[in-house]
Amino acid sequence: MTDYSTMNLKDLKKLLKSMNVTGVSKLNKKQILALLSQREKEEKAKKEKKTKEVKLTELPLEKKQLGELKYLCKQQNLKGFSKMKKKEIVSLLKFFDEQKEVFEHPVHEVFSETDDVAEPVFVLEKLSLKDLKKLCKEYKLKKYSKLSRTDLVELVNSRQLLTATEKIEKKLKKKNMKDLKKLCKELSVKGYSKLNKMQVISKIVEQKNKVVEEQQEQQE
């Protein structure tokens, strides 16, 4: 549960208004804290209800079904896995299993591209106030300087995530058609000459993923 007790009455009322809660002007701090606590319990109950129970097998991660792997990610409060492929999720789960024993740095490079993967809560809670603020700055989060340690953990944990593919697409969108077609040529992408910009970007991403998969198969 989030600790809102360190916030003043004015900020608490602003928080409720941002949640579209009406009739907060006459509430005192104790009433607001009780309301926020109740809302969190309700949200938690909704999430637990939505999460379908999956029968876990004793198979190694590589041989588990995709649904089972995603269920394991949810159980461990991991983020950024919904758009990942099976091999990426296996890498993610293995990585965080290792981090339970040894934690070196909050920013990870898990895959061939730097994925925007969220740290689990147990990792964030180990960080000092200074390190959490440094992390907020690194992730380009806003209005974190006066937040408490608990609120900083919540802010980092709730940040918007992008997969490696989405990051590549975002970067490619900034390039002009001439540079994109040059890149197609370098990557041996075929049939791009008459395509529009978004179609060319899709072709490049598709080729990139194909190359990565081939490299992973060779390693195995």
C-alpha atoms as a PDB file:
ATOM      1  CA  MET A   1       0.000   0.000   0.000  1.00  0.00           C
ATOM      2  CA  THR A   2       1.199   3.517  -0.784  1.00  0.00           C
ATOM      3  CA  ASP A   3       2.055   5.720   2.207  1.00  0.00           C
ATOM      4  CA  TYR A   4       0.251   9.035   1.616  1.00  0.00           C
ATOM      5  CA  SER A   5       0.615  10.189   5.232  1.00  0.00           C
ATOM      6  CA  THR A   6       3.709  12.303   4.432  1.00  0.00           C
ATOM      7  CA  MET A   7       1.701  14.483   2.000  1.00  0.00           C
ATOM      8  CA  ASN A   8       0.001  17.667   3.194  1.00  0.00           C
ATOM      9  CA  LEU A   9      -3.777  18.237   2.998  1.00  0.00           C
ATOM     10  CA  LYS A  10      -3.562  20.515  -0.057  1.00  0.00           C
ATOM     11  CA  ASP A  11      -1.572  17.962  -2.086  1.00  0.00           C
ATOM     12  CA  LEU A  12      -3.872  15.146  -1.010  1.00  0.00           C
ATOM     13  CA  LYS A  13      -6.894  17.050  -2.292  1.00  0.00           C
ATOM     14  CA  LYS A  14      -5.095  17.728  -5.582  1.00  0.00           C
ATOM     15  CA  LEU A  15      -4.340  14.024  -5.861  1.00  0.00           C
ATOM     16  CA  LEU A  16      -8.005  13.097  -5.389  1.00  0.00           C
ATOM     17  CA  LYS A  17      -9.070  15.677  -7.965  1.00  0.00           C
ATOM     18  CA  SER A  18      -6.576  14.178 -10.453  1.00  0.00           C
ATOM     19  CA  MET A  19      -8.363  10.854  -9.852  1.00  0.00           C
ATOM     20  CA  ASN A  20     -11.669  12.562 -10.716  1.00  0.00           C
ATOM     21  CA  VAL A  21     -12.958  12.162  -7.151  1.00  0.00           C
ATOM     22  CA  THR A  22     -15.599  14.783  -6.323  1.00  0.00           C
ATOM     23  CA  GLY A  23     -16.680  16.305  -2.986  1.00  0.00           C
ATOM     24  CA  VAL A  24     -13.196  16.395  -1.443  1.00  0.00           C
ATOM     25  CA  SER A  25     -13.097  20.068  -0.385  1.00  0.00           C
ATOM     26  CA  LYS A  26     -14.621  19.486   3.087  1.00  0.00           C
ATOM     27  CA  LEU A  27     -12.722  16.286   3.919  1.00  0.00           C
ATOM     28  CA  ASN A  28      -9.975  16.318   6.541  1.00  0.00           C
ATOM     29  CA  LYS A  29      -6.631  14.520   6.159  1.00  0.00           C
ATOM     30  CA  LYS A  30      -7.737  11.411   8.073  1.00  0.00           C
ATOM     31  CA  GLN A  31     -10.823  11.001   5.862  1.00  0.00           C
ATOM     32  CA  ILE A  32      -8.792  11.467   2.674  1.00  0.00           C
ATOM     33  CA  LEU A  33      -6.203   8.893   3.766  1.00  0.00           C
ATOM     34  CA  ALA A  34      -9.005   6.419   4.522  1.00  0.00           C
ATOM     35  CA  LEU A  35     -10.545   7.079   1.092  1.00  0.00           C
ATOM     36  CA  LEU A  36      -7.228   6.572  -0.710  1.00  0.00           C
ATOM     37  CA  SER A  37      -6.597   3.369   1.225  1.00  0.00           C
ATOM     38  CA  GLN A  38     -10.047   2.068   0.255  1.00  0.00           C
ATOM     39  CA  ARG A  39      -9.466   2.939  -3.414  1.00  0.00           C
ATOM     40  CA  GLU A  40      -6.155   1.080  -3.432  1.00  0.00           C
ATOM     41  CA  LYS A  41      -7.789  -2.000  -1.910  1.00  0.00           C
ATOM     42  CA  GLU A  42     -10.536  -1.892  -4.552  1.00  0.00           C
ATOM     43  CA  GLU A  43      -8.002  -1.508  -7.385  1.00  0.00           C
ATOM     44  CA  LYS A  44      -5.951  -4.400  -6.019  1.00  0.00           C
ATOM     45  CA  ALA A  45      -9.076  -6.569  -5.797  1.00  0.00           C
ATOM     46  CA  LYS A  46      -9.967  -5.722  -9.425  1.00  0.00           C
ATOM     47  CA  LYS A  47      -6.486  -6.659 -10.636  1.00  0.00           C
ATOM     48  CA  GLU A  48      -6.551  -9.944  -8.728  1.00  0.00           C
ATOM     49  CA  LYS A  49      -9.954 -10.723 -10.213  1.00  0.00           C
ATOM     50  CA  LYS A  50      -8.713 -10.014 -13.745  1.00  0.00           C
ATOM     51  CA  THR A  51      -5.653 -12.215 -13.313  1.00  0.00           C
ATOM     52  CA  LYS A  52      -6.685 -15.709 -14.357  1.00  0.00           C
ATOM     53  CA  GLU A  53      -5.223 -18.584 -12.403  1.00  0.00           C
ATOM     54  CA  VAL A  54      -2.727 -20.518 -14.524  1.00  0.00           C
ATOM     55  CA  LYS A  55      -1.583 -24.019 -13.707  1.00  0.00           C
ATOM     56  CA  LEU A  56       2.204 -23.847 -13.360  1.00  0.00           C
ATOM     57  CA  THR A  57       4.249 -26.758 -14.689  1.00  0.00           C
ATOM     58  CA  GLU A  58       7.641 -27.916 -13.422  1.00  0.00           C
ATOM     59  CA  LEU A  59       9.182 -27.516 -16.872  1.00  0.00           C
ATOM     60  CA  PRO A  60      12.193 -25.182 -17.327  1.00  0.00           C
ATOM     61  CA  LEU A  61      11.366 -21.650 -18.475  1.00  0.00           C
ATOM     62  CA  GLU A  62      12.374 -22.374 -22.088  1.00  0.00           C
ATOM     63  CA  LYS A  63       9.759 -25.142 -22.367  1.00  0.00           C
ATOM     64  CA  LYS A  64       6.870 -23.392 -20.620  1.00  0.00           C
ATOM     65  CA  GLN A  65       3.894 -22.045 -22.604  1.00  0.00           C
ATOM     66  CA  LEU A  66       3.750 -18.292 -23.358  1.00  0.00           C
ATOM     67  CA  GLY A  67       0.660 -17.846 -21.138  1.00  0.00           C
ATOM     68  CA  GLU A  68       2.474 -19.478 -18.231  1.00  0.00           C
ATOM     69  CA  LEU A  69       5.508 -17.212 -18.684  1.00  0.00           C
ATOM     70  CA  LYS A  70       3.327 -14.088 -18.738  1.00  0.00           C
ATOM     71  CA  TYR A  71       1.546 -15.293 -15.590  1.00  0.00           C
ATOM     72  CA  LEU A  72       4.937 -15.625 -13.859  1.00  0.00           C
ATOM     73  CA  CYS A  73       5.776 -12.040 -14.895  1.00  0.00           C
ATOM     74  CA  LYS A  74       2.505 -10.801 -13.369  1.00  0.00           C
ATOM     75  CA  GLN A  75       3.171 -12.721 -10.156  1.00  0.00           C
ATOM     76  CA  GLN A  76       6.561 -11.018  -9.812  1.00  0.00           C
ATOM     77  CA  ASN A  77       5.132  -7.551 -10.660  1.00  0.00           C
ATOM     78  CA  LEU A  78       7.324  -7.263 -13.760  1.00  0.00           C
ATOM     79  CA  LYS A  79       6.380  -4.817 -16.499  1.00  0.00           C
ATOM     80  CA  GLY A  80       7.018  -4.373 -20.201  1.00  0.00           C
ATOM     81  CA  PHE A  81       6.490  -8.054 -21.078  1.00  0.00           C
ATOM     82  CA  SER A  82       3.087  -7.902 -22.801  1.00  0.00           C
ATOM     83  CA  LYS A  83       4.526  -7.188 -26.267  1.00  0.00           C
ATOM     84  CA  MET A  84       7.629  -9.360 -25.912  1.00  0.00           C
ATOM     85  CA  LYS A  85       8.288 -12.640 -27.673  1.00  0.00           C
ATOM     86  CA  LYS A  86       8.718 -15.892 -25.756  1.00  0.00           C
ATOM     87  CA  LYS A  87      12.537 -15.818 -25.873  1.00  0.00           C
ATOM     88  CA  GLU A  88      12.573 -12.251 -24.548  1.00  0.00           C
ATOM     89  CA  ILE A  89      10.246 -13.119 -21.647  1.00  0.00           C
ATOM     90  CA  VAL A  90      12.434 -16.114 -20.735  1.00  0.00           C
ATOM     91  CA  SER A  91      15.476 -13.781 -20.691  1.00  0.00           C
ATOM     92  CA  LEU A  92      13.545 -11.279 -18.567  1.00  0.00           C
ATOM     93  CA  LEU A  93      12.489 -13.870 -15.967  1.00  0.00           C
ATOM     94  CA  LYS A  94      15.991 -15.340 -15.754  1.00  0.00           C
ATOM     95  CA  PHE A  95      17.473 -11.874 -15.346  1.00  0.00           C
ATOM     96  CA  PHE A  96      15.212 -10.905 -12.461  1.00  0.00           C
ATOM     97  CA  ASP A  97      15.752 -14.261 -10.751  1.00  0.00           C
ATOM     98  CA  GLU A  98      19.454 -13.392 -10.688  1.00  0.00           C
ATOM     99  CA  GLN A  99      18.706  -9.895  -9.374  1.00  0.00           C
ATOM    100  CA  LYS A 100      16.985 -11.341  -6.300  1.00  0.00           C
ATOM    101  CA  GLU A 101      20.426 -12.479  -5.191  1.00  0.00           C
ATOM    102  CA  VAL A 102      22.636  -9.703  -6.560  1.00  0.00           C
ATOM    103  CA  PHE A 103      21.541  -6.184  -7.428  1.00  0.00           C
ATOM    104  CA  GLU A 104      24.159  -4.107  -9.214  1.00  0.00           C
ATOM    105  CA  HIS A 105      22.442  -1.228 -11.039  1.00  0.00           C
ATOM    106  CA  PRO A 106      18.828  -0.147 -11.643  1.00  0.00           C
ATOM    107  CA  VAL A 107      19.252   0.283 -15.409  1.00  0.00           C
ATOM    108  CA  HIS A 108      19.344  -2.974 -17.365  1.00  0.00           C
ATOM    109  CA  GLU A 109      20.431  -4.130 -20.767  1.00  0.00           C
ATOM    110  CA  VAL A 110      18.576  -7.405 -21.122  1.00  0.00           C
ATOM    111  CA  PHE A 111      18.239  -7.891 -24.864  1.00  0.00           C
ATOM    112  CA  SER A 112      20.008  -6.987 -28.108  1.00  0.00           C
ATOM    113  CA  GLU A 113      18.448  -3.527 -27.869  1.00  0.00           C
ATOM    114  CA  THR A 114      18.086  -1.543 -24.648  1.00  0.00           C
ATOM    115  CA  ASP A 115      14.534  -2.387 -23.585  1.00  0.00           C
ATOM    116  CA  ASP A 116      12.541  -0.119 -21.323  1.00  0.00           C
ATOM    117  CA  VAL A 117      12.050  -2.766 -18.638  1.00  0.00           C
ATOM    118  CA  ALA A 118      10.699  -1.763 -15.243  1.00  0.00           C
ATOM    119  CA  GLU A 119      12.489  -2.678 -12.057  1.00  0.00           C
ATOM    120  CA  PRO A 120      10.410  -4.818  -9.674  1.00  0.00           C
ATOM    121  CA  VAL A 121       9.255  -3.096  -6.482  1.00  0.00           C
ATOM    122  CA  PHE A 122      11.625  -5.098  -4.241  1.00  0.00           C
ATOM    123  CA  VAL A 123      14.565  -3.610  -6.200  1.00  0.00           C
ATOM    124  CA  LEU A 124      13.261  -0.025  -6.060  1.00  0.00           C
ATOM    125  CA  GLU A 125      12.668  -0.282  -2.310  1.00  0.00           C
ATOM    126  CA  LYS A 126      16.381  -1.023  -1.806  1.00  0.00           C
ATOM    127  CA  LEU A 127      17.387   2.282  -3.400  1.00  0.00           C
ATOM    128  CA  SER A 128      18.160   5.411  -1.411  1.00  0.00           C
ATOM    129  CA  LEU A 129      16.236   8.669  -1.908  1.00  0.00           C
ATOM    130  CA  LYS A 130      19.188  10.042  -3.896  1.00  0.00           C
ATOM    131  CA  ASP A 131      19.321   7.017  -6.211  1.00  0.00           C
ATOM    132  CA  LEU A 132      15.548   7.104  -6.780  1.00  0.00           C
ATOM    133  CA  LYS A 133      15.738  10.765  -7.822  1.00  0.00           C
ATOM    134  CA  LYS A 134      18.678   9.939 -10.087  1.00  0.00           C
ATOM    135  CA  LEU A 135      16.564   7.195 -11.659  1.00  0.00           C
ATOM    136  CA  CYS A 136      13.646   9.618 -12.155  1.00  0.00           C
ATOM    137  CA  LYS A 137      15.999  12.025 -13.918  1.00  0.00           C
ATOM    138  CA  GLU A 138      17.377   9.231 -16.112  1.00  0.00           C
ATOM    139  CA  TYR A 139      13.844   8.183 -17.113  1.00  0.00           C
ATOM    140  CA  LYS A 140      12.921  11.857 -17.751  1.00  0.00           C
ATOM    141  CA  LEU A 141      10.065  11.764 -15.236  1.00  0.00           C
ATOM    142  CA  LYS A 142       8.556  15.055 -14.039  1.00  0.00           C
ATOM    143  CA  LYS A 143       7.752  16.689 -10.668  1.00  0.00           C
ATOM    144  CA  TYR A 144       9.764  14.213  -8.587  1.00  0.00           C
ATOM    145  CA  SER A 145      12.099  16.557  -6.674  1.00  0.00           C
ATOM    146  CA  LYS A 146       9.821  17.074  -3.629  1.00  0.00           C
ATOM    147  CA  LEU A 147       8.312  13.590  -3.481  1.00  0.00           C
ATOM    148  CA  SER A 148       8.829  11.236  -0.566  1.00  0.00           C
ATOM    149  CA  ARG A 149      10.768   7.976  -0.999  1.00  0.00           C
ATOM    150  CA  THR A 150       7.507   5.971  -1.132  1.00  0.00           C
ATOM    151  CA  ASP A 151       6.023   8.248  -3.804  1.00  0.00           C
ATOM    152  CA  LEU A 152       9.240   8.080  -5.837  1.00  0.00           C
ATOM    153  CA  VAL A 153       9.028   4.271  -5.843  1.00  0.00           C
ATOM    154  CA  GLU A 154       5.416   4.528  -7.051  1.00  0.00           C
ATOM    155  CA  LEU A 155       6.343   7.093  -9.734  1.00  0.00           C
ATOM    156  CA  VAL A 156       9.156   4.950 -11.181  1.00  0.00           C
ATOM    157  CA  ASN A 157       7.054   1.804 -10.965  1.00  0.00           C
ATOM    158  CA  SER A 158       4.119   3.387 -12.830  1.00  0.00           C
ATOM    159  CA  ARG A 159       6.103   4.994 -15.654  1.00  0.00           C
ATOM    160  CA  GLN A 160       5.079   4.427 -19.254  1.00  0.00           C
ATOM    161  CA  LEU A 161       7.101   1.669 -20.879  1.00  0.00           C
ATOM    162  CA  LEU A 162       8.274   1.126 -24.439  1.00  0.00           C
ATOM    163  CA  THR A 163       9.555  -2.129 -25.881  1.00  0.00           C
ATOM    164  CA  ALA A 164      12.791  -2.252 -27.875  1.00  0.00           C
ATOM    165  CA  THR A 165      10.775  -2.461 -31.115  1.00  0.00           C
ATOM    166  CA  GLU A 166       8.744   0.640 -30.201  1.00  0.00           C
ATOM    167  CA  LYS A 167      11.965   2.506 -29.419  1.00  0.00           C
ATOM    168  CA  ILE A 168      13.413   1.565 -32.806  1.00  0.00           C
ATOM    169  CA  GLU A 169      10.214   2.653 -34.567  1.00  0.00           C
ATOM    170  CA  LYS A 170      10.251   5.977 -32.721  1.00  0.00           C
ATOM    171  CA  LYS A 171      13.856   6.566 -33.792  1.00  0.00           C
ATOM    172  CA  LEU A 172      13.173   5.586 -37.422  1.00  0.00           C
ATOM    173  CA  LYS A 173      10.192   7.966 -37.667  1.00  0.00           C
ATOM    174  CA  LYS A 174      12.605  10.874 -37.201  1.00  0.00           C
ATOM    175  CA  LYS A 175      14.591   9.865 -40.303  1.00  0.00           C
ATOM    176  CA  ASN A 176      13.710  11.036 -43.814  1.00  0.00           C
ATOM    177  CA  MET A 177      12.788   8.653 -46.658  1.00  0.00           C
ATOM    178  CA  LYS A 178      16.229   8.934 -48.258  1.00  0.00           C
ATOM    179  CA  ASP A 179      17.977   7.713 -45.096  1.00  0.00           C
ATOM    180  CA  LEU A 180      15.363   4.990 -44.528  1.00  0.00           C
ATOM    181  CA  LYS A 181      15.828   3.600 -48.045  1.00  0.00           C
ATOM    182  CA  LYS A 182      19.600   3.701 -47.588  1.00  0.00           C
ATOM    183  CA  LEU A 183      19.138   1.687 -44.396  1.00  0.00           C
ATOM    184  CA  CYS A 184      16.924  -0.796 -46.275  1.00  0.00           C
ATOM    185  CA  LYS A 185      19.718  -1.322 -48.770  1.00  0.00           C
ATOM    186  CA  GLU A 186      22.282  -1.893 -46.007  1.00  0.00           C
ATOM    187  CA  LEU A 187      19.995  -4.416 -44.278  1.00  0.00           C
ATOM    188  CA  SER A 188      19.153  -6.224 -47.556  1.00  0.00           C
ATOM    189  CA  VAL A 189      15.444  -5.378 -47.191  1.00  0.00           C
ATOM    190  CA  LYS A 190      13.533  -6.199 -50.388  1.00  0.00           C
ATOM    191  CA  GLY A 191      10.485  -4.577 -52.027  1.00  0.00           C
ATOM    192  CA  TYR A 192      10.691  -1.193 -50.289  1.00  0.00           C
ATOM    193  CA  SER A 193      11.030   1.203 -53.255  1.00  0.00           C
ATOM    194  CA  LYS A 194       7.285   1.904 -53.713  1.00  0.00           C
ATOM    195  CA  LEU A 195       6.277   1.789 -50.037  1.00  0.00           C
ATOM    196  CA  ASN A 196       5.308   4.779 -47.862  1.00  0.00           C
ATOM    197  CA  LYS A 197       7.315   5.805 -44.794  1.00  0.00           C
ATOM    198  CA  MET A 198       5.433   3.693 -42.214  1.00  0.00           C
ATOM    199  CA  GLN A 199       5.566   0.618 -44.480  1.00  0.00           C
ATOM    200  CA  VAL A 200       9.310   1.071 -44.965  1.00  0.00           C
ATOM    201  CA  ILE A 201       9.773   1.351 -41.172  1.00  0.00           C
ATOM    202  CA  SER A 202       7.772  -1.873 -40.699  1.00  0.00           C
ATOM    203  CA  LYS A 203      10.016  -3.621 -43.237  1.00  0.00           C
ATOM    204  CA  ILE A 204      13.167  -2.470 -41.420  1.00  0.00           C
ATOM    205  CA  VAL A 205      11.842  -3.600 -38.010  1.00  0.00           C
ATOM    206  CA  GLU A 206      10.770  -6.938 -39.486  1.00  0.00           C
ATOM    207  CA  GLN A 207      14.241  -7.469 -40.960  1.00  0.00           C
ATOM    208  CA  LYS A 208      15.918  -6.455 -37.707  1.00  0.00           C
ATOM    209  CA  ASN A 209      13.824  -8.975 -35.725  1.00  0.00           C
ATOM    210  CA  LYS A 210      14.626 -11.687 -38.269  1.00  0.00           C
ATOM    211  CA  VAL A 211      18.369 -11.051 -37.923  1.00  0.00           C
ATOM    212  CA  VAL A 212      18.147 -11.109 -34.098  1.00  0.00           C
ATOM    213  CA  GLU A 213      16.233 -14.427 -34.144  1.00  0.00           C
ATOM    214  CA  GLU A 214      18.799 -15.979 -36.496  1.00  0.00           C
ATOM    215  CA  GLN A 215      21.626 -14.862 -34.198  1.00  0.00           C
ATOM    216  CA  GLN A 216      19.847 -16.360 -31.161  1.00  0.00           C
ATOM    217  CA  GLU A 217      19.321 -19.668 -32.979  1.00  0.00           C
ATOM    218  CA  GLN A 218      23.013 -19.808 -33.918  1.00  0.00           C
ATOM    219  CA  GLN A 219      23.988 -19.212 -30.284  1.00  0.00           C
ATOM    220  CA  GLU A 220      21.740 -22.062 -29.153  1.00  0.00           C
END
